[in-house]
Amino acid sequence: MKFYRITEDKAPRHAGNMNAGHTWSLPGVDWSQPCPTCRLGGGVGGLPYPCVDPLSLPERERFREPEPVPYEEYARLRELVRPLLPSWAVLQPGTSFGPVEGSGLGYFGQLFMQNPWTLFARREALERLQADGVRGLQGCPIKVRFRTKHAPELLELQMELRGQFHPECLPPDYKPLCPTCGSNQNHLPKRILLDASSLPEHVDVFRFRVWWSCIIANERFVETVKRLELDGVVFEELEVR
């Protein structure tokens, strides 16, 4: 089975753009009171769960565009939201939830990437993929006002986190993730090499678990997208070992 990284099609006709973001998120960690193990603070980007809504939580306002907090308070809030997430989920400071909100303008393809870590689909494209048996796609309608005559109905896709790097692509100074907060102090390897034994067989598209801003699809997904003539993204084959 071949695997591919999904990236934005930068052809001039794909000129859609959204000024939008997720309203809900876990707070970042205050650098003055950081993780007790790695001594790091801050927060991550590119780890959204659009189908998870914190509205049911009594302390939901603590997740609305929060300011950085001490690590102990972050850990408490993380455990409050954890029951809302699927078992495969990863939680980090800055993890975002719920639909994106904002405005949009321009032409959007059948598939659309606002950045490397978000994948959107027009409703009709998602329905065609699902009808064709593509596995691993869950869509959340977005709350974006489009300043265009024919506004698209876009959904943000929530995908499982799966997969690991093959050890041969890791540099000698590669550091393991922090066992307490999960922070990653590494750069993306220049050559991405996937560990075949870690790749999922039950879904056709997923986020790379150790580098979640990388969205990966298998050849079944790629062939289906091409056969259905869905535009907006391109595919880069990755090496698997």
Protein backbone atom coordinates (compact mmCIF):
# COMPACT_ATOMS: atom_id res chain seq x y z
CA MET A 1 0.00 0.00 0.00
CA LYS A 2 1.36 3.43 -0.96
CA PHE A 3 0.93 6.52 1.24
CA TYR A 4 0.89 10.19 0.32
CA ARG A 5 1.08 13.54 2.04
CA ILE A 6 -1.84 15.82 1.15
CA THR A 7 -0.92 19.43 0.37
CA GLU A 8 -2.66 22.50 -1.00
CA ASP A 9 -3.00 22.92 -4.76
CA LYS A 10 -1.42 26.34 -5.32
CA ALA A 11 -2.70 26.76 -8.88
CA PRO A 12 -3.88 30.36 -9.45
CA ARG A 13 -7.53 29.35 -9.80
CA HIS A 14 -7.55 28.04 -6.22
CA ALA A 15 -7.59 31.52 -4.70
CA GLY A 16 -10.00 30.90 -1.81
CA ASN A 17 -9.00 32.23 1.58
CA MET A 18 -10.62 32.26 5.00
CA ASN A 19 -9.98 34.69 7.83
CA ALA A 20 -11.26 32.27 10.41
CA GLY A 21 -10.26 30.22 13.43
CA HIS A 22 -11.52 28.00 16.21
CA THR A 23 -13.18 29.83 19.09
CA TRP A 24 -12.56 27.09 21.65
CA SER A 25 -9.18 25.74 22.75
CA LEU A 26 -7.11 24.52 25.62
CA PRO A 27 -4.97 27.32 27.04
CA GLY A 28 -1.27 27.54 26.47
CA VAL A 29 1.08 27.06 29.42
CA ASP A 30 2.56 30.11 31.10
CA TRP A 31 6.34 30.08 30.65
CA SER A 32 6.79 31.30 34.24
CA GLN A 33 5.05 28.12 35.53
CA PRO A 34 5.86 25.52 32.85
CA CYS A 35 5.65 21.74 32.57
CA PRO A 36 7.50 20.26 35.58
CA THR A 37 9.31 17.68 33.42
CA CYS A 38 10.51 19.47 30.26
CA ARG A 39 10.28 23.01 31.71
CA LEU A 40 8.52 24.24 28.56
CA GLY A 41 5.54 26.53 28.24
CA GLY A 42 3.60 27.93 25.30
CA GLY A 43 1.16 26.06 23.10
CA VAL A 44 0.85 24.26 19.79
CA GLY A 45 -1.03 25.03 16.61
CA GLY A 46 -2.50 22.71 14.04
CA LEU A 47 -4.22 20.24 16.34
CA PRO A 48 -7.98 20.82 15.86
CA TYR A 49 -10.94 18.65 16.80
CA PRO A 50 -13.77 20.42 14.95
CA CYS A 51 -16.38 17.81 15.91
CA VAL A 52 -15.72 18.27 19.65
CA ASP A 53 -17.85 20.98 21.29
CA PRO A 54 -17.01 22.16 24.86
CA LEU A 55 -20.45 23.79 25.26
CA SER A 56 -21.60 20.96 27.53
CA LEU A 57 -18.85 21.67 30.08
CA PRO A 58 -19.75 23.74 33.17
CA GLU A 59 -16.46 25.64 32.79
CA ARG A 60 -16.81 26.07 29.03
CA GLU A 61 -15.83 29.76 29.17
CA ARG A 62 -12.34 28.70 30.26
CA PHE A 63 -11.93 27.29 26.73
CA ARG A 64 -13.01 30.41 24.86
CA GLU A 65 -9.83 32.04 23.51
CA PRO A 66 -8.03 31.43 26.83
CA GLU A 67 -4.94 33.18 28.13
CA PRO A 68 -1.88 31.09 29.17
CA VAL A 69 -2.18 29.45 32.58
CA PRO A 70 0.17 27.59 34.97
CA TYR A 71 0.80 23.99 33.96
CA GLU A 72 -1.27 22.59 36.85
CA GLU A 73 -4.33 24.55 35.69
CA TYR A 74 -3.78 23.49 32.08
CA ALA A 75 -3.64 19.84 33.20
CA ARG A 76 -6.91 20.25 35.10
CA LEU A 77 -8.69 21.75 32.09
CA ARG A 78 -7.23 19.07 29.82
CA GLU A 79 -8.84 16.35 31.94
CA LEU A 80 -12.18 18.19 31.89
CA VAL A 81 -12.34 18.07 28.10
CA ARG A 82 -10.78 14.63 27.62
CA PRO A 83 -14.06 12.66 28.01
CA LEU A 84 -15.46 14.51 24.98
CA LEU A 85 -12.70 13.23 22.70
CA PRO A 86 -12.24 9.87 20.94
CA SER A 87 -9.81 7.36 22.43
CA TRP A 88 -7.12 8.02 19.79
CA ALA A 89 -6.98 11.77 20.47
CA VAL A 90 -3.86 13.65 21.54
CA LEU A 91 -4.22 16.73 23.76
CA GLN A 92 -1.63 19.49 23.90
CA PRO A 93 -1.61 23.09 25.18
CA GLY A 94 -3.36 25.09 22.47
CA THR A 95 -5.43 22.19 21.07
CA SER A 96 -8.54 23.68 19.43
CA PHE A 97 -12.16 22.54 19.30
CA GLY A 98 -15.42 23.19 17.50
CA PRO A 99 -16.13 24.73 14.10
CA VAL A 100 -14.04 27.52 12.63
CA GLU A 101 -15.74 30.92 12.56
CA GLY A 102 -14.96 34.01 10.49
CA SER A 103 -15.18 35.14 6.87
CA GLY A 104 -14.08 33.84 3.48
CA LEU A 105 -13.57 35.06 -0.06
CA GLY A 106 -12.66 33.56 -3.44
CA TYR A 107 -12.94 30.21 -5.20
CA PHE A 108 -12.73 27.06 -3.11
CA GLY A 109 -12.11 23.67 -4.68
CA GLN A 110 -13.98 20.49 -3.85
CA LEU A 111 -11.22 19.95 -1.30
CA PHE A 112 -9.48 22.88 0.35
CA MET A 113 -6.54 23.44 2.69
CA GLN A 114 -6.33 26.75 4.51
CA ASN A 115 -2.92 25.65 5.82
CA PRO A 116 -1.03 22.34 6.00
CA TRP A 117 -2.99 21.09 9.02
CA THR A 118 -6.61 21.76 8.05
CA LEU A 119 -8.51 19.90 5.35
CA PHE A 120 -11.97 21.06 4.27
CA ALA A 121 -14.41 19.52 1.82
CA ARG A 122 -17.52 20.78 0.10
CA ARG A 123 -20.51 18.85 1.41
CA GLU A 124 -21.16 17.19 -1.94
CA ALA A 125 -17.50 16.12 -2.21
CA LEU A 126 -17.54 14.58 1.27
CA GLU A 127 -20.77 12.74 0.51
CA ARG A 128 -19.32 11.35 -2.71
CA LEU A 129 -16.17 10.16 -0.94
CA GLN A 130 -18.20 8.51 1.82
CA ALA A 131 -20.57 6.92 -0.71
CA ASP A 132 -17.53 5.47 -2.45
CA GLY A 133 -16.43 3.80 0.79
CA VAL A 134 -13.59 6.12 1.84
CA ARG A 135 -12.96 5.54 5.56
CA GLY A 136 -11.80 7.96 8.26
CA LEU A 137 -13.66 11.13 7.27
CA GLN A 138 -15.85 12.98 9.76
CA GLY A 139 -16.99 16.48 8.81
CA CYS A 140 -18.08 19.46 10.90
CA PRO A 141 -19.93 22.37 9.22
CA ILE A 142 -18.02 25.62 9.53
CA LYS A 143 -19.43 29.00 10.58
CA VAL A 144 -17.88 31.24 7.95
CA ARG A 145 -19.51 34.11 6.08
CA PHE A 146 -18.43 34.01 2.44
CA ARG A 147 -18.29 37.27 0.52
CA THR A 148 -18.99 35.62 -2.80
CA LYS A 149 -22.02 35.10 -5.02
CA HIS A 150 -22.02 31.30 -4.80
CA ALA A 151 -20.97 30.52 -1.23
CA PRO A 152 -19.63 26.98 -0.78
CA GLU A 153 -20.90 24.72 1.98
CA LEU A 154 -17.62 23.62 3.52
CA LEU A 155 -17.00 21.14 6.32
CA GLU A 156 -13.77 20.80 8.26
CA LEU A 157 -12.60 17.20 8.42
CA GLN A 158 -11.67 15.54 11.69
CA MET A 159 -9.25 12.66 11.21
CA GLU A 160 -7.68 10.07 13.47
CA LEU A 161 -4.05 10.44 14.58
CA ARG A 162 -2.01 7.45 13.46
CA GLY A 163 1.49 6.50 12.39
CA GLN A 164 5.13 6.86 13.44
CA PHE A 165 8.43 7.81 11.82
CA HIS A 166 10.68 4.95 10.81
CA PRO A 167 13.80 5.18 13.03
CA GLU A 168 16.09 5.45 9.99
CA CYS A 169 14.84 8.97 9.18
CA LEU A 170 15.40 10.34 12.69
CA PRO A 171 18.55 12.41 13.41
CA PRO A 172 20.93 11.33 16.19
CA ASP A 173 19.75 14.18 18.44
CA TYR A 174 16.05 13.31 18.11
CA LYS A 175 14.37 13.74 21.50
CA PRO A 176 11.45 11.63 22.73
CA LEU A 177 8.19 13.43 23.45
CA CYS A 178 7.85 14.78 26.98
CA PRO A 179 6.14 12.02 29.04
CA THR A 180 4.23 14.62 31.08
CA CYS A 181 2.91 17.18 28.59
CA GLY A 182 3.75 15.49 25.28
CA SER A 183 5.72 18.44 23.92
CA ASN A 184 7.83 17.82 20.82
CA GLN A 185 11.21 19.59 20.69
CA ASN A 186 12.22 18.25 17.28
CA HIS A 187 12.13 19.54 13.72
CA LEU A 188 10.39 17.63 10.96
CA PRO A 189 12.99 15.29 9.45
CA LYS A 190 14.21 16.42 6.03
CA ARG A 191 13.27 13.01 4.68
CA ILE A 192 9.97 11.61 5.92
CA LEU A 193 10.11 7.84 6.21
CA LEU A 194 7.01 6.11 7.56
CA ASP A 195 7.09 3.03 9.77
CA ALA A 196 4.92 0.51 7.89
CA SER A 197 3.94 -1.37 11.06
CA SER A 198 2.42 1.81 12.56
CA LEU A 199 0.18 2.75 9.61
CA PRO A 200 -3.57 2.17 9.93
CA GLU A 201 -5.55 -0.32 7.88
CA HIS A 202 -9.03 0.80 9.01
CA VAL A 203 -8.92 4.40 7.70
CA ASP A 204 -7.86 5.83 4.33
CA VAL A 205 -6.87 9.32 5.48
CA PHE A 206 -5.43 10.41 8.84
CA ARG A 207 -3.25 12.88 10.68
CA PHE A 208 0.32 11.77 11.33
CA ARG A 209 0.33 11.09 15.07
CA VAL A 210 3.87 12.32 15.74
CA TRP A 211 3.54 15.35 13.42
CA TRP A 212 -0.15 16.21 13.32
CA SER A 213 0.22 19.11 10.88
CA CYS A 214 0.96 16.44 8.26
CA ILE A 215 -2.17 14.86 6.73
CA ILE A 216 -1.60 11.48 5.08
CA ALA A 217 -3.75 9.37 2.76
CA ASN A 218 -3.34 5.91 1.32
CA GLU A 219 -3.49 5.09 -2.38
CA ARG A 220 -7.14 4.08 -2.13
CA PHE A 221 -8.07 7.62 -1.08
CA VAL A 222 -5.84 9.18 -3.74
CA GLU A 223 -7.27 7.01 -6.51
CA THR A 224 -10.83 7.83 -5.40
CA VAL A 225 -10.17 11.59 -5.37
CA LYS A 226 -8.69 11.42 -8.85
CA ARG A 227 -11.49 9.24 -10.21
CA LEU A 228 -14.14 11.58 -8.80
CA GLU A 229 -12.16 14.54 -10.22
CA LEU A 230 -12.12 16.42 -6.93
CA ASP A 231 -9.85 19.45 -7.11
CA GLY A 232 -8.05 21.59 -4.53
CA VAL A 233 -5.24 19.34 -3.26
CA VAL A 234 -2.18 17.53 -4.56
CA PHE A 235 -0.45 14.38 -3.33
CA GLU A 236 3.22 13.70 -2.56
CA GLU A 237 4.19 10.06 -2.24
CA LEU A 238 6.05 9.18 0.98
CA GLU A 239 8.53 6.39 1.49
CA VAL A 240 7.39 3.51 3.70
CA ARG A 241 9.68 0.97 5.32
